[in-house]
Amino acid sequence: MTLETRTATEIRAEGRKLVGYAATFGVETRILDFHETIAPGAFAASLRSNPDILALVDHDAGKVLARTRSGSLRLSEDAHGLKFEIALPETSLGRDILAMATRGDLGGMSFGFTVPEGGDEWRGDKRTLRNVVLHEISVVQSWPAYGGTSVQARSRQQRTDADRRIALLEMEALNVAV
């Protein structure tokens, strides 16, 4: 199986943690010459069976931010998608990522996965991911593959829904321009 990566959704800083969604369900995205959607529950089996999923920077195994085995990465599925919480390390990499998130300079989140036999469904040029083996999630510093990706930083104060919508629209406009 070939490792695939996808970029999606939102990330924000809360204290020394990054929180958000690495993938969202039911959102169609164009990947090369096909369209792809992630079905609810696509990560469930992997989250139950894989004891060590990594949080990386730009899918680089040399840039580990956290991992589920140590508890510094928490992953769960809810109705919206694959939710994450990364406790950033007190390292130069952790501080750099936190500073970039605070300034709003990150591109989004991504995830690396393989698809087991029968884990996807094709209908013409439309692919639905129903069951994937999750290997890692990544903070993406540049451009995300999925449109609508947003990266915001915030401290303990909460952003309003209007602020989040404006940030998403700004990111979508940047993705269209690229």
C-alpha atoms as a PDB file:
ATOM      1  CA  MET A   1       0.000   0.000   0.000  1.00  0.00           C
ATOM      2  CA  THR A   2       1.175   3.507  -0.799  1.00  0.00           C
ATOM      3  CA  LEU A   3       1.159   6.150   1.927  1.00  0.00           C
ATOM      4  CA  GLU A   4      -1.193   8.960   0.948  1.00  0.00           C
ATOM      5  CA  THR A   5      -1.381  12.405   2.491  1.00  0.00           C
ATOM      6  CA  ARG A   6      -4.201  14.925   2.618  1.00  0.00           C
ATOM      7  CA  THR A   7      -4.404  18.393   4.055  1.00  0.00           C
ATOM      8  CA  ALA A   8      -7.477  19.765   5.718  1.00  0.00           C
ATOM      9  CA  THR A   9      -9.307  21.984   8.143  1.00  0.00           C
ATOM     10  CA  GLU A  10      -8.321  24.062  11.095  1.00  0.00           C
ATOM     11  CA  ILE A  11      -5.678  24.437  13.745  1.00  0.00           C
ATOM     12  CA  ARG A  12      -5.368  26.947  16.548  1.00  0.00           C
ATOM     13  CA  ALA A  13      -3.074  27.533  19.500  1.00  0.00           C
ATOM     14  CA  GLU A  14      -4.485  27.370  23.001  1.00  0.00           C
ATOM     15  CA  GLY A  15      -1.720  28.027  25.474  1.00  0.00           C
ATOM     16  CA  ARG A  16       1.055  25.531  24.561  1.00  0.00           C
ATOM     17  CA  LYS A  17      -1.341  23.269  22.689  1.00  0.00           C
ATOM     18  CA  LEU A  18      -2.503  23.107  19.108  1.00  0.00           C
ATOM     19  CA  VAL A  19      -6.076  21.948  18.694  1.00  0.00           C
ATOM     20  CA  GLY A  20      -8.424  21.513  15.783  1.00  0.00           C
ATOM     21  CA  TYR A  21      -9.329  19.057  13.055  1.00  0.00           C
ATOM     22  CA  ALA A  22      -6.887  17.197  10.826  1.00  0.00           C
ATOM     23  CA  ALA A  23      -9.745  16.012   8.582  1.00  0.00           C
ATOM     24  CA  THR A  24     -13.416  16.803   8.163  1.00  0.00           C
ATOM     25  CA  PHE A  25     -16.173  14.466   7.076  1.00  0.00           C
ATOM     26  CA  GLY A  26     -18.399  14.937   4.054  1.00  0.00           C
ATOM     27  CA  VAL A  27     -16.346  17.695   2.371  1.00  0.00           C
ATOM     28  CA  GLU A  28     -15.539  16.974  -1.272  1.00  0.00           C
ATOM     29  CA  THR A  29     -12.008  17.889  -2.336  1.00  0.00           C
ATOM     30  CA  ARG A  30     -10.237  17.646  -5.671  1.00  0.00           C
ATOM     31  CA  ILE A  31      -7.072  15.537  -5.529  1.00  0.00           C
ATOM     32  CA  LEU A  32      -5.187  15.483  -8.839  1.00  0.00           C
ATOM     33  CA  ASP A  33      -7.691  14.018 -11.328  1.00  0.00           C
ATOM     34  CA  PHE A  34     -10.394  12.860  -8.901  1.00  0.00           C
ATOM     35  CA  HIS A  35     -12.689  14.106  -6.135  1.00  0.00           C
ATOM     36  CA  GLU A  36     -12.497  12.697  -2.632  1.00  0.00           C
ATOM     37  CA  THR A  37     -14.731  12.678   0.448  1.00  0.00           C
ATOM     38  CA  ILE A  38     -14.043  11.253   3.894  1.00  0.00           C
ATOM     39  CA  ALA A  39     -16.943   9.321   5.400  1.00  0.00           C
ATOM     40  CA  PRO A  40     -17.769   9.556   9.119  1.00  0.00           C
ATOM     41  CA  GLY A  41     -16.046   6.732  10.984  1.00  0.00           C
ATOM     42  CA  ALA A  42     -13.176   6.429   8.473  1.00  0.00           C
ATOM     43  CA  PHE A  43     -10.562   6.710  11.252  1.00  0.00           C
ATOM     44  CA  ALA A  44     -12.384   4.767  13.994  1.00  0.00           C
ATOM     45  CA  ALA A  45     -10.763   1.345  13.544  1.00  0.00           C
ATOM     46  CA  SER A  46      -7.307   2.877  13.191  1.00  0.00           C
ATOM     47  CA  LEU A  47      -7.710   4.958  16.349  1.00  0.00           C
ATOM     48  CA  ARG A  48      -8.680   1.809  18.269  1.00  0.00           C
ATOM     49  CA  SER A  49      -5.897  -0.403  16.896  1.00  0.00           C
ATOM     50  CA  ASN A  50      -2.844   1.828  16.318  1.00  0.00           C
ATOM     51  CA  PRO A  51      -1.068   2.568  19.624  1.00  0.00           C
ATOM     52  CA  ASP A  52       1.440   5.024  18.155  1.00  0.00           C
ATOM     53  CA  ILE A  53       0.273   7.714  15.732  1.00  0.00           C
ATOM     54  CA  LEU A  54       2.644  10.660  15.274  1.00  0.00           C
ATOM     55  CA  ALA A  55       2.168  14.418  14.977  1.00  0.00           C
ATOM     56  CA  LEU A  56       4.780  15.744  12.544  1.00  0.00           C
ATOM     57  CA  VAL A  57       5.675  18.933  10.704  1.00  0.00           C
ATOM     58  CA  ASP A  58       5.193  18.687   6.919  1.00  0.00           C
ATOM     59  CA  HIS A  59       5.099  14.844   7.022  1.00  0.00           C
ATOM     60  CA  ASP A  60       8.787  14.830   8.024  1.00  0.00           C
ATOM     61  CA  ALA A  61       9.533  11.917  10.394  1.00  0.00           C
ATOM     62  CA  GLY A  62      12.539  13.902  11.634  1.00  0.00           C
ATOM     63  CA  LYS A  63      10.219  16.644  12.958  1.00  0.00           C
ATOM     64  CA  VAL A  64       8.135  14.916  15.633  1.00  0.00           C
ATOM     65  CA  LEU A  65       5.896  17.199  17.702  1.00  0.00           C
ATOM     66  CA  ALA A  66       3.936  14.569  19.633  1.00  0.00           C
ATOM     67  CA  ARG A  67       2.683  10.974  19.627  1.00  0.00           C
ATOM     68  CA  THR A  68      -0.281   9.066  20.948  1.00  0.00           C
ATOM     69  CA  ARG A  69       1.932   6.526  22.736  1.00  0.00           C
ATOM     70  CA  SER A  70       3.271   9.202  25.103  1.00  0.00           C
ATOM     71  CA  GLY A  71      -0.086  10.980  25.459  1.00  0.00           C
ATOM     72  CA  SER A  72       1.252  14.215  23.947  1.00  0.00           C
ATOM     73  CA  LEU A  73      -1.091  13.678  20.959  1.00  0.00           C
ATOM     74  CA  ARG A  74      -4.785  13.029  21.491  1.00  0.00           C
ATOM     75  CA  LEU A  75      -6.991  12.014  18.596  1.00  0.00           C
ATOM     76  CA  SER A  76     -10.712  11.343  18.415  1.00  0.00           C
ATOM     77  CA  GLU A  77     -13.552  11.319  15.938  1.00  0.00           C
ATOM     78  CA  ASP A  78     -16.707  13.338  16.374  1.00  0.00           C
ATOM     79  CA  ALA A  79     -19.524  14.224  13.981  1.00  0.00           C
ATOM     80  CA  HIS A  80     -17.331  16.904  12.334  1.00  0.00           C
ATOM     81  CA  GLY A  81     -14.132  14.935  11.708  1.00  0.00           C
ATOM     82  CA  LEU A  82     -10.775  13.829  13.098  1.00  0.00           C
ATOM     83  CA  LYS A  83     -10.163  16.010  16.142  1.00  0.00           C
ATOM     84  CA  PHE A  84      -6.657  16.478  17.559  1.00  0.00           C
ATOM     85  CA  GLU A  85      -4.853  18.041  20.503  1.00  0.00           C
ATOM     86  CA  ILE A  86      -1.056  18.390  20.401  1.00  0.00           C
ATOM     87  CA  ALA A  87       0.851  19.288  23.567  1.00  0.00           C
ATOM     88  CA  LEU A  88       3.789  21.135  22.007  1.00  0.00           C
ATOM     89  CA  PRO A  89       7.265  20.268  23.275  1.00  0.00           C
ATOM     90  CA  GLU A  90       9.610  22.829  24.832  1.00  0.00           C
ATOM     91  CA  THR A  91      11.983  22.507  21.892  1.00  0.00           C
ATOM     92  CA  SER A  92      13.014  24.934  19.194  1.00  0.00           C
ATOM     93  CA  LEU A  93      10.643  23.134  16.785  1.00  0.00           C
ATOM     94  CA  GLY A  94       7.739  23.336  19.260  1.00  0.00           C
ATOM     95  CA  ARG A  95       8.376  27.027  19.932  1.00  0.00           C
ATOM     96  CA  ASP A  96       8.680  27.791  16.198  1.00  0.00           C
ATOM     97  CA  ILE A  97       5.383  26.059  15.381  1.00  0.00           C
ATOM     98  CA  LEU A  98       3.635  27.828  18.269  1.00  0.00           C
ATOM     99  CA  ALA A  99       4.996  31.210  17.117  1.00  0.00           C
ATOM    100  CA  MET A 100       3.854  30.554  13.540  1.00  0.00           C
ATOM    101  CA  ALA A 101       0.397  29.439  14.709  1.00  0.00           C
ATOM    102  CA  THR A 102       0.076  32.530  16.903  1.00  0.00           C
ATOM    103  CA  ARG A 103       0.899  34.796  13.935  1.00  0.00           C
ATOM    104  CA  GLY A 104      -1.434  32.882  11.606  1.00  0.00           C
ATOM    105  CA  ASP A 105       1.431  31.779   9.344  1.00  0.00           C
ATOM    106  CA  LEU A 106       0.683  28.043   9.163  1.00  0.00           C
ATOM    107  CA  GLY A 107      -1.047  26.520   6.149  1.00  0.00           C
ATOM    108  CA  GLY A 108      -3.223  23.947   7.902  1.00  0.00           C
ATOM    109  CA  MET A 109      -3.264  20.333   8.978  1.00  0.00           C
ATOM    110  CA  SER A 110      -2.690  17.156   7.025  1.00  0.00           C
ATOM    111  CA  PHE A 111      -2.761  13.432   7.619  1.00  0.00           C
ATOM    112  CA  GLY A 112      -0.833  10.459   6.238  1.00  0.00           C
ATOM    113  CA  PHE A 113      -2.712   7.200   5.692  1.00  0.00           C
ATOM    114  CA  THR A 114      -3.003   3.961   3.784  1.00  0.00           C
ATOM    115  CA  VAL A 115      -6.229   2.387   2.579  1.00  0.00           C
ATOM    116  CA  PRO A 116      -6.804  -1.271   3.435  1.00  0.00           C
ATOM    117  CA  GLU A 117      -8.584  -3.596   1.016  1.00  0.00           C
ATOM    118  CA  GLY A 118     -12.189  -2.405   0.723  1.00  0.00           C
ATOM    119  CA  GLY A 119     -11.503   0.827   2.615  1.00  0.00           C
ATOM    120  CA  ASP A 120     -12.526   3.102  -0.225  1.00  0.00           C
ATOM    121  CA  GLU A 121     -15.336   3.239  -2.752  1.00  0.00           C
ATOM    122  CA  TRP A 122     -15.033   4.610  -6.283  1.00  0.00           C
ATOM    123  CA  ARG A 123     -17.886   5.939  -8.414  1.00  0.00           C
ATOM    124  CA  GLY A 124     -16.412   7.328 -11.602  1.00  0.00           C
ATOM    125  CA  ASP A 125     -13.902   9.997 -10.563  1.00  0.00           C
ATOM    126  CA  LYS A 126     -15.321  10.227  -7.018  1.00  0.00           C
ATOM    127  CA  ARG A 127     -13.629   8.409  -4.163  1.00  0.00           C
ATOM    128  CA  THR A 128     -15.068   7.979  -0.690  1.00  0.00           C
ATOM    129  CA  LEU A 129     -12.680   7.003   2.110  1.00  0.00           C
ATOM    130  CA  ARG A 130     -14.628   4.705   4.456  1.00  0.00           C
ATOM    131  CA  ASN A 131     -11.791   3.064   6.404  1.00  0.00           C
ATOM    132  CA  VAL A 132      -8.174   4.250   6.513  1.00  0.00           C
ATOM    133  CA  VAL A 133      -5.097   3.300   8.492  1.00  0.00           C
ATOM    134  CA  LEU A 134      -3.893   6.562  10.035  1.00  0.00           C
ATOM    135  CA  HIS A 135      -0.096   6.798  10.405  1.00  0.00           C
ATOM    136  CA  GLU A 136       0.375  10.461  11.236  1.00  0.00           C
ATOM    137  CA  ILE A 137      -1.074  13.933  11.262  1.00  0.00           C
ATOM    138  CA  SER A 138       1.051  16.899  10.257  1.00  0.00           C
ATOM    139  CA  VAL A 139       1.157  20.620  10.746  1.00  0.00           C
ATOM    140  CA  VAL A 140       1.549  22.054   7.238  1.00  0.00           C
ATOM    141  CA  GLN A 141       3.636  25.194   6.959  1.00  0.00           C
ATOM    142  CA  SER A 142       2.743  26.126   3.374  1.00  0.00           C
ATOM    143  CA  TRP A 143      -0.222  25.334   1.100  1.00  0.00           C
ATOM    144  CA  PRO A 144      -2.783  22.699   1.961  1.00  0.00           C
ATOM    145  CA  ALA A 145      -4.160  20.226  -0.571  1.00  0.00           C
ATOM    146  CA  TYR A 146      -7.715  20.584   0.734  1.00  0.00           C
ATOM    147  CA  GLY A 147      -9.515  23.868   0.111  1.00  0.00           C
ATOM    148  CA  GLY A 148     -11.032  25.652   3.070  1.00  0.00           C
ATOM    149  CA  THR A 149      -8.089  24.865   5.313  1.00  0.00           C
ATOM    150  CA  SER A 150      -7.618  27.419   8.030  1.00  0.00           C
ATOM    151  CA  VAL A 151      -4.896  27.910  10.549  1.00  0.00           C
ATOM    152  CA  GLN A 152      -5.486  30.289  13.389  1.00  0.00           C
ATOM    153  CA  ALA A 153      -3.717  30.965  16.604  1.00  0.00           C
ATOM    154  CA  ARG A 154      -5.346  32.116  19.752  1.00  0.00           C
ATOM    155  CA  SER A 155      -4.552  32.213  23.364  1.00  0.00           C
ATOM    156  CA  ARG A 156      -7.186  31.462  25.972  1.00  0.00           C
ATOM    157  CA  GLN A 157      -9.763  33.867  24.499  1.00  0.00           C
ATOM    158  CA  GLN A 158     -12.299  32.312  22.155  1.00  0.00           C
ATOM    159  CA  ARG A 159     -12.835  33.478  18.576  1.00  0.00           C
ATOM    160  CA  THR A 160     -16.349  34.261  17.494  1.00  0.00           C
ATOM    161  CA  ASP A 161     -18.057  32.291  14.749  1.00  0.00           C
ATOM    162  CA  ALA A 162     -17.834  35.399  12.562  1.00  0.00           C
ATOM    163  CA  ASP A 163     -14.041  35.600  13.094  1.00  0.00           C
ATOM    164  CA  ARG A 164     -13.677  31.923  12.141  1.00  0.00           C
ATOM    165  CA  ARG A 165     -15.811  32.370   9.007  1.00  0.00           C
ATOM    166  CA  ILE A 166     -13.752  35.397   7.913  1.00  0.00           C
ATOM    167  CA  ALA A 167     -10.490  33.463   8.413  1.00  0.00           C
ATOM    168  CA  LEU A 168     -11.860  30.515   6.403  1.00  0.00           C
ATOM    169  CA  LEU A 169     -12.937  32.802   3.559  1.00  0.00           C
ATOM    170  CA  GLU A 170      -9.497  34.446   3.527  1.00  0.00           C
ATOM    171  CA  MET A 171      -7.793  31.031   3.303  1.00  0.00           C
ATOM    172  CA  GLU A 172     -10.163  29.888   0.555  1.00  0.00           C
ATOM    173  CA  ALA A 173      -9.349  33.034  -1.401  1.00  0.00           C
ATOM    174  CA  LEU A 174      -5.616  32.323  -1.023  1.00  0.00           C
ATOM    175  CA  ASN A 175      -6.105  28.695  -2.136  1.00  0.00           C
ATOM    176  CA  VAL A 176      -8.003  29.827  -5.248  1.00  0.00           C
ATOM    177  CA  ALA A 177      -5.239  32.307  -6.099  1.00  0.00           C
ATOM    178  CA  VAL A 178      -2.515  29.635  -5.883  1.00  0.00           C
END
